[in-house]
Amino acid sequence: MLHDNGAHILYLDGFNNPGFSGGPVTFVPHDKGQLHVGAVISGYRSDLLEVKDAKSAEAIGALVEANTGIVVAYSIDHAVAAIEGRPAEIQPPSGGDSPAPVS
């Protein structure tokens, strides 16, 4: 779990699609055997890929946004805090070279 400006962020291996945002990330602890919600899906990491001609495999000078297969989720603690009326103080990102998650 990464900590970024007060946010607890999980990056998970798996494909996510638009519309999955807000869905649960669940797990079963080995010692309990009961389903738990650990995080809420926010989106996925994207990457820009070069578009190539299907026949010649040459680049055509265009880019397409592609799903990297990395799901971005935020700790359930943030959702619980908001429900209890004490929203977490998360600072907006200051920029950088990382692509933003897409919902």
N, C-alpha and C. Protein backbone atom coordinates (compact mmCIF):
# COMPACT_ATOMS: atom_id res chain seq x y z
N MET A 1 0.85 -1.16 0.00
CA MET A 1 0.00 0.00 0.00
C MET A 1 0.89 1.23 0.00
N LEU A 2 0.62 2.15 -0.89
CA LEU A 2 1.37 3.40 -0.95
C LEU A 2 0.64 4.48 -0.18
N HIS A 3 1.38 5.41 0.35
CA HIS A 3 0.81 6.55 1.05
C HIS A 3 1.17 7.78 0.24
N ASP A 4 0.17 8.48 -0.31
CA ASP A 4 0.42 9.63 -1.16
C ASP A 4 -0.45 10.79 -0.70
N ASN A 5 0.16 11.81 -0.14
CA ASN A 5 -0.57 13.00 0.32
C ASN A 5 -1.73 12.65 1.24
N GLY A 6 -1.52 11.69 2.12
CA GLY A 6 -2.55 11.31 3.08
C GLY A 6 -3.46 10.19 2.61
N ALA A 7 -3.36 9.79 1.37
CA ALA A 7 -4.20 8.71 0.83
C ALA A 7 -3.47 7.38 0.92
N HIS A 8 -4.20 6.33 1.24
CA HIS A 8 -3.66 4.97 1.27
C HIS A 8 -4.11 4.31 -0.03
N ILE A 9 -3.19 4.13 -0.96
CA ILE A 9 -3.50 3.67 -2.32
C ILE A 9 -2.96 2.27 -2.54
N LEU A 10 -3.79 1.41 -3.11
CA LEU A 10 -3.37 0.06 -3.49
C LEU A 10 -3.33 -0.02 -5.01
N TYR A 11 -2.28 -0.64 -5.53
CA TYR A 11 -2.19 -0.93 -6.96
C TYR A 11 -2.26 -2.45 -7.08
N LEU A 12 -3.27 -2.93 -7.78
CA LEU A 12 -3.54 -4.37 -7.86
C LEU A 12 -3.40 -4.86 -9.29
N ASP A 13 -2.96 -6.08 -9.45
CA ASP A 13 -2.86 -6.71 -10.76
C ASP A 13 -4.24 -7.22 -11.16
N GLY A 14 -4.79 -6.67 -12.21
CA GLY A 14 -6.10 -7.10 -12.68
C GLY A 14 -6.71 -6.06 -13.59
N PHE A 15 -7.53 -6.48 -14.52
CA PHE A 15 -8.13 -5.52 -15.44
C PHE A 15 -9.38 -4.92 -14.84
N ASN A 16 -9.50 -3.62 -15.00
CA ASN A 16 -10.62 -2.83 -14.53
C ASN A 16 -11.18 -2.10 -15.75
N ASN A 17 -12.44 -1.85 -15.77
CA ASN A 17 -13.07 -1.14 -16.87
C ASN A 17 -13.86 0.04 -16.34
N PRO A 18 -14.10 1.06 -17.19
CA PRO A 18 -14.96 2.16 -16.75
C PRO A 18 -16.28 1.59 -16.23
N GLY A 19 -16.73 2.13 -15.12
CA GLY A 19 -17.96 1.65 -14.49
C GLY A 19 -17.70 0.80 -13.27
N PHE A 20 -16.45 0.32 -13.09
CA PHE A 20 -16.13 -0.48 -11.91
C PHE A 20 -15.80 0.41 -10.69
N SER A 21 -15.58 1.70 -10.92
CA SER A 21 -15.24 2.60 -9.82
C SER A 21 -16.30 2.55 -8.74
N GLY A 22 -15.84 2.51 -7.50
CA GLY A 22 -16.74 2.41 -6.36
C GLY A 22 -16.97 0.98 -5.92
N GLY A 23 -16.53 0.03 -6.72
CA GLY A 23 -16.69 -1.38 -6.36
C GLY A 23 -15.72 -1.78 -5.26
N PRO A 24 -16.04 -2.85 -4.55
CA PRO A 24 -15.18 -3.26 -3.44
C PRO A 24 -13.97 -4.09 -3.87
N VAL A 25 -12.91 -3.98 -3.09
CA VAL A 25 -11.78 -4.89 -3.18
C VAL A 25 -11.89 -5.75 -1.92
N THR A 26 -12.10 -7.04 -2.11
CA THR A 26 -12.34 -7.93 -0.97
C THR A 26 -11.20 -8.92 -0.80
N PHE A 27 -11.11 -9.46 0.40
CA PHE A 27 -10.11 -10.48 0.70
C PHE A 27 -10.62 -11.33 1.87
N VAL A 28 -10.03 -12.50 2.01
CA VAL A 28 -10.35 -13.40 3.13
C VAL A 28 -9.06 -13.65 3.90
N PRO A 29 -8.96 -13.11 5.14
CA PRO A 29 -7.77 -13.38 5.94
C PRO A 29 -7.67 -14.87 6.26
N HIS A 30 -6.46 -15.39 6.24
CA HIS A 30 -6.25 -16.82 6.49
C HIS A 30 -6.76 -17.27 7.86
N ASP A 31 -6.64 -16.40 8.85
CA ASP A 31 -7.00 -16.80 10.21
C ASP A 31 -8.49 -16.62 10.53
N LYS A 32 -9.24 -15.94 9.68
CA LYS A 32 -10.64 -15.67 9.98
C LYS A 32 -11.61 -16.42 9.08
N GLY A 33 -11.26 -16.60 7.82
CA GLY A 33 -12.14 -17.30 6.89
C GLY A 33 -13.41 -16.55 6.55
N GLN A 34 -13.42 -15.25 6.78
CA GLN A 34 -14.60 -14.44 6.49
C GLN A 34 -14.21 -13.31 5.54
N LEU A 35 -15.09 -13.01 4.59
CA LEU A 35 -14.84 -11.98 3.58
C LEU A 35 -14.78 -10.60 4.22
N HIS A 36 -13.77 -9.81 3.84
CA HIS A 36 -13.59 -8.44 4.32
C HIS A 36 -13.47 -7.51 3.12
N VAL A 37 -13.91 -6.27 3.28
CA VAL A 37 -13.70 -5.25 2.27
C VAL A 37 -12.50 -4.43 2.72
N GLY A 38 -11.49 -4.35 1.86
CA GLY A 38 -10.26 -3.66 2.23
C GLY A 38 -10.06 -2.33 1.52
N ALA A 39 -10.74 -2.17 0.37
CA ALA A 39 -10.52 -0.95 -0.41
C ALA A 39 -11.68 -0.74 -1.37
N VAL A 40 -11.67 0.43 -1.99
CA VAL A 40 -12.68 0.81 -2.98
C VAL A 40 -11.96 1.12 -4.29
N ILE A 41 -12.44 0.54 -5.38
CA ILE A 41 -11.81 0.77 -6.69
C ILE A 41 -12.01 2.21 -7.13
N SER A 42 -10.94 2.81 -7.61
CA SER A 42 -10.97 4.18 -8.09
C SER A 42 -10.88 4.24 -9.61
N GLY A 43 -10.09 3.36 -10.19
CA GLY A 43 -9.89 3.39 -11.64
C GLY A 43 -8.77 2.45 -12.02
N TYR A 44 -8.05 2.79 -13.09
CA TYR A 44 -6.93 1.97 -13.52
C TYR A 44 -5.84 2.86 -14.08
N ARG A 45 -4.63 2.33 -14.07
CA ARG A 45 -3.51 3.06 -14.66
C ARG A 45 -3.59 2.88 -16.17
N SER A 46 -3.37 3.96 -16.87
CA SER A 46 -3.39 3.87 -18.33
C SER A 46 -2.02 4.23 -18.87
N ASP A 47 -1.82 3.91 -20.12
CA ASP A 47 -0.56 4.19 -20.80
C ASP A 47 -0.89 4.56 -22.23
N LEU A 48 -0.13 5.47 -22.82
CA LEU A 48 -0.32 5.82 -24.22
C LEU A 48 0.52 4.90 -25.10
N LEU A 49 -0.14 4.28 -26.07
CA LEU A 49 0.54 3.38 -27.00
C LEU A 49 0.44 3.91 -28.42
N GLU A 50 1.47 3.64 -29.18
CA GLU A 50 1.51 4.06 -30.57
C GLU A 50 0.58 3.16 -31.40
N VAL A 51 -0.19 3.76 -32.28
CA VAL A 51 -1.08 3.01 -33.16
C VAL A 51 -0.30 2.62 -34.41
N LYS A 52 -0.42 1.35 -34.79
CA LYS A 52 0.29 0.86 -35.97
C LYS A 52 -0.69 0.32 -37.00
N ASP A 53 -0.32 0.41 -38.24
CA ASP A 53 -1.12 -0.12 -39.33
C ASP A 53 -1.17 -1.65 -39.21
N ALA A 54 -2.34 -2.23 -39.35
CA ALA A 54 -2.52 -3.67 -39.17
C ALA A 54 -1.74 -4.49 -40.19
N LYS A 55 -1.62 -3.99 -41.40
CA LYS A 55 -0.93 -4.76 -42.44
C LYS A 55 0.58 -4.56 -42.42
N SER A 56 1.01 -3.30 -42.33
CA SER A 56 2.44 -3.03 -42.43
C SER A 56 3.15 -2.96 -41.08
N ALA A 57 2.39 -2.84 -40.01
CA ALA A 57 2.92 -2.70 -38.65
C ALA A 57 3.73 -1.43 -38.47
N GLU A 58 3.52 -0.46 -39.37
CA GLU A 58 4.20 0.83 -39.25
C GLU A 58 3.35 1.80 -38.46
N ALA A 59 4.01 2.65 -37.67
CA ALA A 59 3.31 3.65 -36.88
C ALA A 59 2.58 4.62 -37.80
N ILE A 60 1.36 4.99 -37.41
CA ILE A 60 0.57 5.91 -38.25
C ILE A 60 0.51 7.33 -37.66
N GLY A 61 1.27 7.58 -36.59
CA GLY A 61 1.34 8.91 -36.01
C GLY A 61 0.20 9.23 -35.07
N ALA A 62 -0.41 8.21 -34.49
CA ALA A 62 -1.50 8.42 -33.54
C ALA A 62 -1.21 7.63 -32.26
N LEU A 63 -1.83 8.08 -31.19
CA LEU A 63 -1.70 7.39 -29.90
C LEU A 63 -3.07 6.97 -29.41
N VAL A 64 -3.10 5.89 -28.63
CA VAL A 64 -4.35 5.41 -28.03
C VAL A 64 -4.07 5.16 -26.54
N GLU A 65 -5.05 5.50 -25.70
CA GLU A 65 -4.91 5.24 -24.28
C GLU A 65 -5.29 3.79 -24.01
N ALA A 66 -4.38 3.06 -23.36
CA ALA A 66 -4.60 1.63 -23.12
C ALA A 66 -4.61 1.32 -21.63
N ASN A 67 -5.37 0.32 -21.27
CA ASN A 67 -5.46 -0.17 -19.90
C ASN A 67 -4.21 -1.00 -19.62
N THR A 68 -3.46 -0.66 -18.56
CA THR A 68 -2.22 -1.38 -18.25
C THR A 68 -2.46 -2.67 -17.47
N GLY A 69 -3.67 -2.87 -16.96
CA GLY A 69 -3.95 -4.04 -16.14
C GLY A 69 -3.62 -3.79 -14.68
N ILE A 70 -3.44 -2.54 -14.31
CA ILE A 70 -3.19 -2.18 -12.91
C ILE A 70 -4.42 -1.43 -12.38
N VAL A 71 -5.09 -2.02 -11.40
CA VAL A 71 -6.26 -1.43 -10.77
C VAL A 71 -5.79 -0.50 -9.65
N VAL A 72 -6.39 0.68 -9.57
CA VAL A 72 -6.08 1.64 -8.51
C VAL A 72 -7.24 1.64 -7.53
N ALA A 73 -6.93 1.44 -6.25
CA ALA A 73 -7.97 1.40 -5.22
C ALA A 73 -7.49 2.19 -4.00
N TYR A 74 -8.45 2.72 -3.26
CA TYR A 74 -8.16 3.47 -2.04
C TYR A 74 -8.66 2.68 -0.84
N SER A 75 -7.91 2.74 0.25
CA SER A 75 -8.25 2.02 1.47
C SER A 75 -9.69 2.29 1.88
N ILE A 76 -10.35 1.27 2.40
CA ILE A 76 -11.72 1.40 2.88
C ILE A 76 -11.80 2.41 4.03
N ASP A 77 -10.67 2.66 4.69
CA ASP A 77 -10.65 3.63 5.79
C ASP A 77 -11.16 5.00 5.35
N HIS A 78 -10.86 5.40 4.10
CA HIS A 78 -11.32 6.70 3.60
C HIS A 78 -12.84 6.72 3.46
N ALA A 79 -13.42 5.64 2.98
CA ALA A 79 -14.88 5.57 2.83
C ALA A 79 -15.56 5.55 4.20
N VAL A 80 -15.01 4.79 5.13
CA VAL A 80 -15.58 4.72 6.47
C VAL A 80 -15.52 6.09 7.14
N ALA A 81 -14.41 6.81 6.99
CA ALA A 81 -14.28 8.14 7.57
C ALA A 81 -15.34 9.09 6.99
N ALA A 82 -15.59 9.02 5.70
CA ALA A 82 -16.60 9.89 5.07
C ALA A 82 -18.00 9.54 5.57
N ILE A 83 -18.30 8.27 5.71
CA ILE A 83 -19.61 7.84 6.22
C ILE A 83 -19.82 8.33 7.65
N GLU A 84 -18.76 8.31 8.43
CA GLU A 84 -18.85 8.74 9.82
C GLU A 84 -18.78 10.26 9.97
N GLY A 85 -18.71 10.98 8.84
CA GLY A 85 -18.70 12.43 8.88
C GLY A 85 -17.36 13.05 9.19
N ARG A 86 -16.31 12.30 8.98
CA ARG A 86 -14.96 12.84 9.21
C ARG A 86 -14.08 12.53 8.00
N PRO A 87 -14.36 13.21 6.88
CA PRO A 87 -13.60 12.95 5.65
C PRO A 87 -12.09 13.09 5.86
N ALA A 88 -11.36 12.21 5.23
CA ALA A 88 -9.90 12.25 5.31
C ALA A 88 -9.38 13.49 4.61
N GLU A 89 -8.30 14.03 5.12
CA GLU A 89 -7.69 15.20 4.49
C GLU A 89 -6.64 14.71 3.50
N ILE A 90 -7.07 14.58 2.26
CA ILE A 90 -6.17 14.10 1.20
C ILE A 90 -5.85 15.28 0.31
N GLN A 91 -4.57 15.52 0.14
CA GLN A 91 -4.13 16.62 -0.70
C GLN A 91 -4.15 16.20 -2.16
N PRO A 92 -4.58 17.08 -3.07
CA PRO A 92 -4.54 16.73 -4.49
C PRO A 92 -3.09 16.54 -4.95
N PRO A 93 -2.90 15.68 -5.95
CA PRO A 93 -1.53 15.45 -6.42
C PRO A 93 -0.90 16.74 -6.94
N SER A 94 0.39 16.87 -6.74
CA SER A 94 1.09 18.08 -7.17
C SER A 94 1.59 18.00 -8.61
N GLY A 95 1.25 16.94 -9.29
CA GLY A 95 1.71 16.77 -10.66
C GLY A 95 2.74 15.66 -10.73
N GLY A 96 3.38 15.55 -11.84
CA GLY A 96 4.39 14.51 -11.99
C GLY A 96 4.24 13.84 -13.33
N ASP A 97 4.99 12.79 -13.52
CA ASP A 97 4.98 12.14 -14.82
C ASP A 97 4.14 10.88 -14.84
N SER A 98 3.47 10.56 -13.74
CA SER A 98 2.63 9.36 -13.72
C SER A 98 1.28 9.64 -14.36
N PRO A 99 0.80 8.74 -15.21
CA PRO A 99 -0.53 8.93 -15.78
C PRO A 99 -1.59 8.85 -14.68
N ALA A 100 -2.60 9.66 -14.79
CA ALA A 100 -3.66 9.69 -13.79
C ALA A 100 -4.57 8.48 -13.97
N PRO A 101 -5.12 7.94 -12.86
CA PRO A 101 -6.09 6.85 -12.99
C PRO A 101 -7.31 7.31 -13.77
N VAL A 102 -7.89 6.41 -14.53
CA VAL A 102 -9.08 6.69 -15.31
C VAL A 102 -10.24 5.96 -14.67
N SER A 103 -11.34 6.64 -14.49
CA SER A 103 -12.52 6.00 -13.88
C SER A 103 -13.36 5.33 -14.92
